Structure formats: structure tokens, C-alpha cells
């Protein structure tokens, strides 16, 4: 079975050193978009990642601690997720299921609004456990987590353990390394075929061209798992003849911006 279509949602823009995306990439600051994906399925709209939230964008102390004083991310006016969804005529309460690649703050900002609307949120159980661990230890800012996004709300968590088809044409792919429970996404469409969204398992096209892991791992010693996740994405893309989308590459995402009516 396939999904019907997908839309790109630009949720924010970040300014980060290349070394965050590519090991040994150096200090040059890159402008990297933060994207989500809205997938229309026979079971309703599925949201893949939720971007930065207004709460974080309006917290200069938090942004300085995570990004640096002169590299605060930017977002659209109001709540970024609601703004992006409005562009494709969808309201937050219309979402049937949201799925989080990992708990870094540039992927979790929409969770409070989704929870308030009663939208269930799927995540790998290992990722939620790690996020709670960091919050309990008071070290979540060190690994760019924002506890206010994923704790203290009445969240209908749907815990996943490994690869799973979560809706017709939508499959989660465990790709640990960047964080212990990171997951990527596969979307199968009737016309354009298979798309694989790497999220932060591969920020840039260079990660994929050079088979190079992500530039940072939240848990010490996870570099080997990050390498394995990069290879998994490349192997799966070859197996399914898929379009493989790096998570934060501005050129690739601009080229793949959805046509009128979405990618089908």
C-alpha cells in the first residue's frame, strides 16, 4: 500500500557550524533549514517532525546556550508548525498521528500544541527514555534537548521499538547514532515512488555522497551506530530506488519543494 502525497513544511532556519553536520567539517557557519513533512494517507494526515517552537525561539538564554550568542535560529511569525500547516490548508487538530525523529529542540517544538489537540505522537522508546534521562540529570541543554517540549504535557505517546509501518505507505526506520533512538522515515507514493527522509542521521547531501555519518552524537561512543545508520539509509535507498532526502540540506530541499498539490 502507498500514501497519497507529501508536502514539505519549512519550520525554521538554523545557523550551525559545518562540524555539527559533517565530522571534521570545521567552524564555518552553514544556513540550514528545519523541515517537517506532511503525508496524506488513507488513515488521515501524518506529520513527520515538528520543528522549533515559539517557546524556544523566544528564549534567548536557551538559544545562546545551545547555538551561541550570534547564531540564534529564526522562524515564521507565530507558532511555526501552525503557520506551516496553514500553508497547506491543514489545522493541527486535523493530524491523525505525529512522528518524531528524535528529541532535539529543532524537531520537538510542535509537541505541546499537538498534545493539546489530542494528537498521538509516535517515537522510538529508546529516544523517549534518553530524553527523560537527560532531563532528570539536568544535562539536556548540553545535547540540545528542551524538556518543556516533551515533558509536563498530557502526551499520548505511541512507543515504537524498531522498524514499523505506522500508516499505509509510511514506515519508520531506526537510525540511531545522532541520538540513541533516532529514526528516519520512508514514504511510498503511487507516482513518484519511494522517498526516504534521513532527518539528522544525514544532515547534508555530503553525508550521503561520501557515506559520512552525522557530525554529532548525543551519547558518547555512538559514532559506530551513526556510521551503520548512514549505510542503512544508502542501502535502503538503492534497494527501493528511492529519493533520499538529507535532513537539513538547503539546496536539496529547495529542489524537492513540493509542486502544487504535493508530491504524489
Protein backbone atom coordinates (compact mmCIF):
# COMPACT_ATOMS: atom_id res chain seq x y z
CA UNK A 1 0.00 0.00 0.00
CA UNK A 2 1.07 3.58 -0.60
CA UNK A 3 0.43 7.01 0.81
CA UNK A 4 -1.28 9.59 -1.39
CA UNK A 5 1.06 12.58 -1.33
CA UNK A 6 3.52 14.55 0.79
CA UNK A 7 4.15 18.24 1.41
CA UNK A 8 7.31 19.96 2.68
CA UNK A 9 6.89 22.21 5.73
CA UNK A 10 9.66 24.72 6.42
CA UNK A 11 9.55 25.31 10.16
CA UNK A 12 12.68 27.33 10.95
CA UNK A 13 16.20 28.23 9.83
CA UNK A 14 19.32 27.40 11.82
CA UNK A 15 22.88 28.72 11.66
CA UNK A 16 25.29 25.99 12.72
CA UNK A 17 28.97 25.12 12.27
CA UNK A 18 29.64 22.64 9.49
CA UNK A 19 31.23 20.31 12.06
CA UNK A 20 27.77 19.74 13.55
CA UNK A 21 26.70 18.09 10.29
CA UNK A 22 29.97 16.61 8.97
CA UNK A 23 32.72 15.12 11.18
CA UNK A 24 35.75 17.40 10.93
CA UNK A 25 33.71 19.93 8.96
CA UNK A 26 35.24 22.91 10.71
CA UNK A 27 33.75 26.10 12.17
CA UNK A 28 32.26 27.66 9.02
CA UNK A 29 28.63 28.51 9.79
CA UNK A 30 26.04 26.99 7.45
CA UNK A 31 22.46 28.16 6.99
CA UNK A 32 20.35 25.02 7.36
CA UNK A 33 16.55 24.85 7.04
CA UNK A 34 14.44 22.91 9.52
CA UNK A 35 11.79 20.87 7.73
CA UNK A 36 8.83 18.71 8.57
CA UNK A 37 6.85 16.52 6.19
CA UNK A 38 3.08 16.18 5.99
CA UNK A 39 1.96 12.89 4.43
CA UNK A 40 -1.62 12.36 3.30
CA UNK A 41 -2.70 8.75 3.87
CA UNK A 42 -5.96 6.80 3.83
CA UNK A 43 -5.86 6.99 7.64
CA UNK A 44 -5.53 10.78 7.68
CA UNK A 45 -2.62 13.25 7.64
CA UNK A 46 0.63 12.01 9.19
CA UNK A 47 3.16 14.61 10.39
CA UNK A 48 6.86 13.75 10.37
CA UNK A 49 8.74 16.06 12.79
CA UNK A 50 7.52 19.32 14.28
CA UNK A 51 10.34 21.89 14.11
CA UNK A 52 11.28 24.58 16.61
CA UNK A 53 8.59 26.01 18.85
CA UNK A 54 7.86 29.64 19.61
CA UNK A 55 8.71 28.97 23.27
CA UNK A 56 12.31 28.15 22.27
CA UNK A 57 12.58 30.85 19.60
CA UNK A 58 11.57 33.46 22.20
CA UNK A 59 14.08 32.21 24.80
CA UNK A 60 17.40 33.96 24.04
CA UNK A 61 19.21 32.40 27.00
CA UNK A 62 18.34 28.89 25.82
CA UNK A 63 19.28 29.69 22.22
CA UNK A 64 22.61 31.18 23.29
CA UNK A 65 23.39 28.13 25.42
CA UNK A 66 22.70 25.76 22.53
CA UNK A 67 23.56 27.73 19.37
CA UNK A 68 25.82 30.57 20.54
CA UNK A 69 25.14 34.26 21.08
CA UNK A 70 25.28 35.26 17.42
CA UNK A 71 23.64 32.23 15.83
CA UNK A 72 20.06 32.16 17.07
CA UNK A 73 17.68 30.31 14.73
CA UNK A 74 14.76 32.13 13.16
CA UNK A 75 11.21 31.06 12.39
CA UNK A 76 7.98 32.35 10.84
CA UNK A 77 5.64 34.58 12.88
CA UNK A 78 3.51 32.91 15.50
CA UNK A 79 3.77 29.19 16.15
CA UNK A 80 5.92 27.76 13.30
CA UNK A 81 4.09 24.44 12.99
CA UNK A 82 0.63 26.03 12.83
CA UNK A 83 1.93 28.58 10.31
CA UNK A 84 3.44 25.89 8.04
CA UNK A 85 0.35 23.69 8.19
CA UNK A 86 -1.87 26.64 7.28
CA UNK A 87 0.11 26.93 4.04
CA UNK A 88 -1.25 23.50 3.01
CA UNK A 89 -4.75 24.08 4.46
CA UNK A 90 -4.34 21.73 7.42
CA UNK A 91 -5.02 22.52 11.09
CA UNK A 92 -3.12 20.89 13.94
CA UNK A 93 -6.28 19.11 15.10
CA UNK A 94 -6.60 17.51 11.65
CA UNK A 95 -3.40 15.50 12.16
CA UNK A 96 -4.07 11.79 12.69
CA UNK A 97 -0.59 10.98 14.02
CA UNK A 98 2.67 12.86 14.53
CA UNK A 99 6.03 11.10 14.47
CA UNK A 100 9.23 12.48 15.99
CA UNK A 101 12.63 11.57 14.53
CA UNK A 102 14.36 12.49 17.80
CA UNK A 103 14.03 14.85 20.75
CA UNK A 104 16.37 17.70 19.80
CA UNK A 105 14.59 21.01 20.20
CA UNK A 106 14.52 21.73 16.43
CA UNK A 107 12.29 18.67 15.99
CA UNK A 108 10.05 18.85 19.08
CA UNK A 109 8.68 22.39 19.12
CA UNK A 110 5.22 21.41 17.93
CA UNK A 111 4.67 18.68 20.52
CA UNK A 112 2.85 20.87 23.10
CA UNK A 113 0.30 22.08 20.51
CA UNK A 114 -0.18 18.57 19.16
CA UNK A 115 -0.68 17.20 22.66
CA UNK A 116 -3.22 19.94 23.45
CA UNK A 117 -5.14 18.93 20.32
CA UNK A 118 -5.14 15.27 21.37
CA UNK A 119 -2.88 14.15 18.51
CA UNK A 120 -0.99 10.92 19.32
CA UNK A 121 2.79 11.16 18.94
CA UNK A 122 4.99 8.23 17.92
CA UNK A 123 8.62 7.93 18.97
CA UNK A 124 11.17 5.19 19.48
CA UNK A 125 11.01 4.07 23.13
CA UNK A 126 14.82 4.37 23.40
CA UNK A 127 14.63 8.03 22.40
CA UNK A 128 11.99 8.96 24.95
CA UNK A 129 13.94 7.13 27.67
CA UNK A 130 17.12 9.03 26.73
CA UNK A 131 15.33 12.38 26.73
CA UNK A 132 13.87 11.74 30.17
CA UNK A 133 17.31 10.64 31.41
CA UNK A 134 18.92 13.90 30.26
CA UNK A 135 16.14 15.97 31.82
CA UNK A 136 16.44 14.13 35.14
CA UNK A 137 20.19 14.72 35.16
CA UNK A 138 19.78 18.40 34.21
CA UNK A 139 22.06 17.98 31.20
CA UNK A 140 19.53 18.20 28.37
CA UNK A 141 20.76 21.62 27.15
CA UNK A 142 24.21 20.07 26.65
CA UNK A 143 22.73 17.78 23.99
CA UNK A 144 20.20 20.33 22.65
CA UNK A 145 17.07 18.88 24.24
CA UNK A 146 14.30 21.18 25.52
CA UNK A 147 12.39 19.41 28.30
CA UNK A 148 9.48 21.86 28.16
CA UNK A 149 8.61 20.45 24.73
CA UNK A 150 8.25 16.79 25.70
CA UNK A 151 7.66 16.70 29.47
CA UNK A 152 4.84 18.13 31.54
CA UNK A 153 2.14 17.77 28.86
CA UNK A 154 -0.62 15.20 28.56
CA UNK A 155 1.02 13.47 25.60
CA UNK A 156 -0.48 10.38 24.01
CA UNK A 157 2.86 8.69 23.30
CA UNK A 158 2.88 5.78 20.86
CA UNK A 159 6.11 3.96 21.67
CA UNK A 160 7.91 2.17 18.85
CA UNK A 161 10.62 -0.45 19.05
CA UNK A 162 12.32 -0.82 15.70
CA UNK A 163 11.10 -0.62 12.12
CA UNK A 164 7.35 -0.35 11.78
CA UNK A 165 4.75 0.66 9.20
CA UNK A 166 2.70 3.28 11.03
CA UNK A 167 0.22 4.09 8.24
CA UNK A 168 -0.29 2.94 4.65
CA UNK A 169 2.88 3.91 2.80
CA UNK A 170 4.68 5.33 5.86
CA UNK A 171 7.44 3.35 7.60
CA UNK A 172 9.80 4.38 10.39
CA UNK A 173 13.43 3.29 10.06
CA UNK A 174 15.54 3.16 13.23
CA UNK A 175 18.76 5.10 12.55
CA UNK A 176 20.44 5.52 15.96
CA UNK A 177 23.68 7.38 16.45
CA UNK A 178 22.88 11.08 16.31
CA UNK A 179 20.73 10.25 19.33
CA UNK A 180 20.16 6.77 20.80
CA UNK A 181 16.61 6.45 19.47
CA UNK A 182 16.82 8.48 16.28
CA UNK A 183 14.56 7.32 13.45
CA UNK A 184 14.22 8.21 9.76
CA UNK A 185 11.13 7.86 7.57
CA UNK A 186 10.17 6.07 4.37
CA UNK A 187 7.17 7.25 2.34
CA UNK A 188 5.91 5.22 -0.63
CA UNK A 189 3.82 7.06 -3.23
CA UNK A 190 1.92 5.75 -6.26
CA UNK A 191 3.52 8.07 -8.82
CA UNK A 192 6.97 9.18 -7.70
CA UNK A 193 7.77 6.00 -5.80
CA UNK A 194 9.76 5.81 -2.59
CA UNK A 195 11.14 8.76 -0.63
CA UNK A 196 13.41 8.33 2.40
CA UNK A 197 13.76 11.23 4.83
CA UNK A 198 17.01 10.85 6.76
CA UNK A 199 16.29 13.54 9.38
CA UNK A 200 19.52 14.09 11.34
CA UNK A 201 21.07 10.74 10.51
CA UNK A 202 22.37 12.71 7.49
CA UNK A 203 22.02 16.49 7.60
CA UNK A 204 23.56 17.24 4.21
CA UNK A 205 23.89 15.72 0.77
CA UNK A 206 27.63 15.44 1.51
CA UNK A 207 26.88 12.90 4.26
CA UNK A 208 25.28 10.69 1.63
CA UNK A 209 27.64 11.33 -1.30
CA UNK A 210 30.63 10.49 0.89
CA UNK A 211 28.90 7.89 3.10
CA UNK A 212 29.85 10.00 6.12
CA UNK A 213 28.00 9.80 9.42
CA UNK A 214 26.36 12.73 11.16
CA UNK A 215 28.68 15.24 12.78
CA UNK A 216 27.46 14.88 16.37
CA UNK A 217 26.31 12.06 18.64
CA UNK A 218 24.41 12.88 21.83
CA UNK A 219 25.57 9.71 23.62
CA UNK A 220 29.29 9.02 23.96
CA UNK A 221 30.51 6.12 21.82
CA UNK A 222 27.58 6.17 19.35
CA UNK A 223 29.75 7.00 16.34
CA UNK A 224 29.76 3.37 15.18
CA UNK A 225 25.97 3.23 15.27
CA UNK A 226 25.82 6.51 13.35
CA UNK A 227 28.06 5.01 10.65
CA UNK A 228 25.82 1.96 10.44
CA UNK A 229 22.72 4.16 10.12
CA UNK A 230 24.23 6.06 7.20
CA UNK A 231 24.94 2.79 5.42
CA UNK A 232 21.42 1.53 6.17
CA UNK A 233 19.91 4.62 4.52
CA UNK A 234 22.12 4.31 1.44
CA UNK A 235 21.46 0.57 1.11
CA UNK A 236 17.71 1.01 1.52
CA UNK A 237 17.63 3.85 -1.00
CA UNK A 238 19.37 1.62 -3.54
CA UNK A 239 17.08 -1.32 -2.78
CA UNK A 240 13.90 0.73 -3.27
CA UNK A 241 15.29 3.08 -5.95
CA UNK A 242 14.34 5.84 -3.51
CA UNK A 243 14.88 9.57 -3.40
CA UNK A 244 16.99 10.01 -0.26
CA UNK A 245 16.47 13.38 1.43
CA UNK A 246 19.10 14.69 3.88
CA UNK A 247 17.55 16.39 6.86
CA UNK A 248 18.85 19.95 6.62
CA UNK A 249 20.33 20.46 3.15
CA UNK A 250 19.05 23.80 1.74
CA UNK A 251 19.83 23.00 -1.90
CA UNK A 252 18.23 19.54 -1.90
CA UNK A 253 15.09 20.71 -0.13
CA UNK A 254 14.70 23.72 -2.41
CA UNK A 255 14.98 21.43 -5.42
CA UNK A 256 12.43 19.00 -3.97
CA UNK A 257 9.93 21.60 -2.73
CA UNK A 258 6.50 20.15 -3.37
CA UNK A 259 4.65 21.06 -6.55
CA UNK A 260 1.05 22.36 -6.37
CA UNK A 261 -0.98 19.58 -4.77
CA UNK A 262 2.07 17.93 -3.22
CA UNK A 263 4.36 15.13 -4.39
CA UNK A 264 2.23 12.18 -5.49
